[in-house]
Protein backbone atom coordinates (compact mmCIF):
# COMPACT_ATOMS: atom_id res chain seq x y z
CA UNK A 1 0.00 0.00 0.00
CA UNK A 2 1.37 3.40 -0.97
CA UNK A 3 1.53 6.44 1.30
CA UNK A 4 -1.65 8.01 -0.12
CA UNK A 5 -3.66 4.79 0.21
CA UNK A 6 -2.40 4.54 3.80
CA UNK A 7 -3.90 8.00 4.48
CA UNK A 8 -7.29 6.80 3.22
CA UNK A 9 -7.00 3.56 5.21
CA UNK A 10 -6.31 5.62 8.34
CA UNK A 11 -9.40 7.73 7.60
CA UNK A 12 -11.61 4.62 7.42
CA UNK A 13 -10.09 3.29 10.64
CA UNK A 14 -10.81 6.60 12.40
CA UNK A 15 -14.40 6.45 11.10
CA UNK A 16 -14.80 2.92 12.54
CA UNK A 17 -13.64 4.27 15.91
CA UNK A 18 -15.96 7.28 15.64
CA UNK A 19 -12.92 9.58 15.88
CA UNK A 20 -14.09 12.56 13.84
CA UNK A 21 -11.33 14.78 15.29
CA UNK A 22 -8.73 12.41 13.81
CA UNK A 23 -10.49 12.58 10.43
CA UNK A 24 -10.53 16.38 10.53
CA UNK A 25 -6.78 16.26 11.17
CA UNK A 26 -6.28 14.19 7.98
CA UNK A 27 -7.90 16.72 5.68
CA UNK A 28 -6.66 20.00 4.29
CA UNK A 29 -8.24 23.06 5.97
CA UNK A 30 -9.84 23.90 2.60
CA UNK A 31 -11.05 20.35 1.87
CA UNK A 32 -13.90 19.84 -0.59
CA UNK A 33 -16.10 16.80 0.15
CA UNK A 34 -18.76 16.01 -2.45
CA UNK A 35 -21.25 13.51 -0.96
CA UNK A 36 -23.82 11.99 -3.27
CA UNK A 37 -27.10 13.93 -3.15
CA UNK A 38 -28.93 10.59 -3.21
CA UNK A 39 -28.04 10.25 0.49
CA UNK A 40 -30.08 12.03 3.19
CA UNK A 41 -27.02 14.10 4.15
CA UNK A 42 -25.61 14.44 0.62
CA UNK A 43 -24.31 17.58 -0.96
CA UNK A 44 -21.12 19.59 -1.22
CA UNK A 45 -19.19 20.34 1.96
CA UNK A 46 -16.31 22.79 2.11
CA UNK A 47 -13.54 23.26 4.64
CA UNK A 48 -13.17 21.36 7.89
CA UNK A 49 -16.24 23.10 9.33
CA UNK A 50 -18.34 21.82 6.46
CA UNK A 51 -16.92 18.33 6.83
CA UNK A 52 -17.92 18.35 10.48
CA UNK A 53 -21.49 19.14 9.35
CA UNK A 54 -21.29 16.16 6.95
CA UNK A 55 -20.45 13.79 9.80
CA UNK A 56 -23.16 15.33 11.98
CA UNK A 57 -25.59 14.57 9.14
CA UNK A 58 -24.46 10.95 9.13
CA UNK A 59 -25.04 10.75 12.89
CA UNK A 60 -28.55 12.19 12.49
CA UNK A 61 -29.41 9.74 9.70
CA UNK A 62 -27.90 6.52 11.06
CA UNK A 63 -28.21 4.81 14.43
CA UNK A 64 -25.19 2.69 13.40
CA UNK A 65 -23.19 2.67 10.17
CA UNK A 66 -20.44 0.27 9.12
CA UNK A 67 -18.13 0.73 6.14
CA UNK A 68 -16.64 -2.43 4.60
CA UNK A 69 -13.94 -1.65 2.05
CA UNK A 70 -13.91 -4.10 -0.85
CA UNK A 71 -10.97 -2.61 -2.74
CA UNK A 72 -8.76 0.44 -2.50
CA UNK A 73 -5.74 1.61 -4.43
CA UNK A 74 -3.76 4.46 -5.84
CA UNK A 75 -4.91 5.04 -9.40
CA UNK A 76 -2.45 7.83 -10.17
CA UNK A 77 -0.15 10.12 -8.17
CA UNK A 78 -2.27 11.85 -5.54
CA UNK A 79 -5.45 9.95 -6.43
CA UNK A 80 -6.88 7.03 -4.41
CA UNK A 81 -10.10 5.17 -5.20
CA UNK A 82 -12.06 3.08 -2.73
CA UNK A 83 -14.97 0.72 -3.37
CA UNK A 84 -17.06 -0.04 -0.29
CA UNK A 85 -20.38 -1.16 1.12
CA UNK A 86 -22.08 0.91 3.82
CA UNK A 87 -24.70 -0.75 5.97
CA UNK A 88 -26.44 -0.19 9.24
CA UNK A 89 -29.57 0.98 10.97
CA UNK A 90 -31.16 4.09 9.52
CA UNK A 91 -32.98 6.13 12.18
CA UNK A 92 -36.72 5.60 11.90
CA UNK A 93 -36.45 3.24 8.93
CA UNK A 94 -34.56 0.11 10.01
CA UNK A 95 -31.76 -1.65 8.19
CA UNK A 96 -30.35 -0.12 5.02
CA UNK A 97 -27.25 -0.39 2.86
CA UNK A 98 -25.62 0.98 -0.26
CA UNK A 99 -22.53 0.48 -2.39
CA UNK A 100 -20.24 3.39 -3.18
CA UNK A 101 -16.97 4.57 -4.63
CA UNK A 102 -14.98 7.42 -3.18
CA UNK A 103 -12.15 9.13 -5.06
CA UNK A 104 -9.68 10.96 -2.82
CA UNK A 105 -7.25 13.66 -3.94
CA UNK A 106 -4.27 13.84 -1.60
CA UNK A 107 -1.58 16.53 -1.53
CA UNK A 108 1.23 16.73 0.99
CA UNK A 109 -0.26 13.88 3.02
CA UNK A 110 -3.63 15.64 3.47
CA UNK A 111 -6.93 14.87 1.77
CA UNK A 112 -7.91 17.90 -0.31
CA UNK A 113 -10.96 16.57 -2.16
CA UNK A 114 -13.36 13.62 -1.97
CA UNK A 115 -15.88 12.71 -4.64
CA UNK A 116 -18.45 10.07 -3.71
CA UNK A 117 -20.51 8.00 -6.13
CA UNK A 118 -23.36 5.93 -4.67
CA UNK A 119 -25.37 2.99 -6.01
CA UNK A 120 -28.78 2.68 -4.33
CA UNK A 121 -31.07 -0.25 -5.07
CA UNK A 122 -33.89 1.74 -3.44
CA UNK A 123 -34.16 5.14 -1.77
CA UNK A 124 -32.74 5.21 1.75
CA UNK A 125 -35.37 5.74 4.39
CA UNK A 126 -38.22 4.41 2.30
CA UNK A 127 -40.15 1.48 3.77
CA UNK A 128 -39.80 -1.76 1.85
CA UNK A 129 -42.94 -3.02 0.11
């Protein structure tokens, strides 16, 4: 695993621990995080303050959320892609899951940009028929 992939791996490990302060320390102060608008907390988030709002949105939407990384690698200098499955208990709606890809731009050991692409089989938060 290269240095940039190790940064992303550390971010996922901090997320598993619920250590948002550690995550904020891994991103550039001017980070741009583009979360898929198909998620209840999706949208563009800018700077560390915006990223904190992103994680607060996750906490409001999910009772518990687990990220299982299927594959991750450096696809070019400064660019890391990750394929994962997110699953857990969505507040007020029970169990839910989705597959996603995140593309991280890393400069000087800090994450400067994240683009997230999500694959939903059904809308999150909608009761199953």
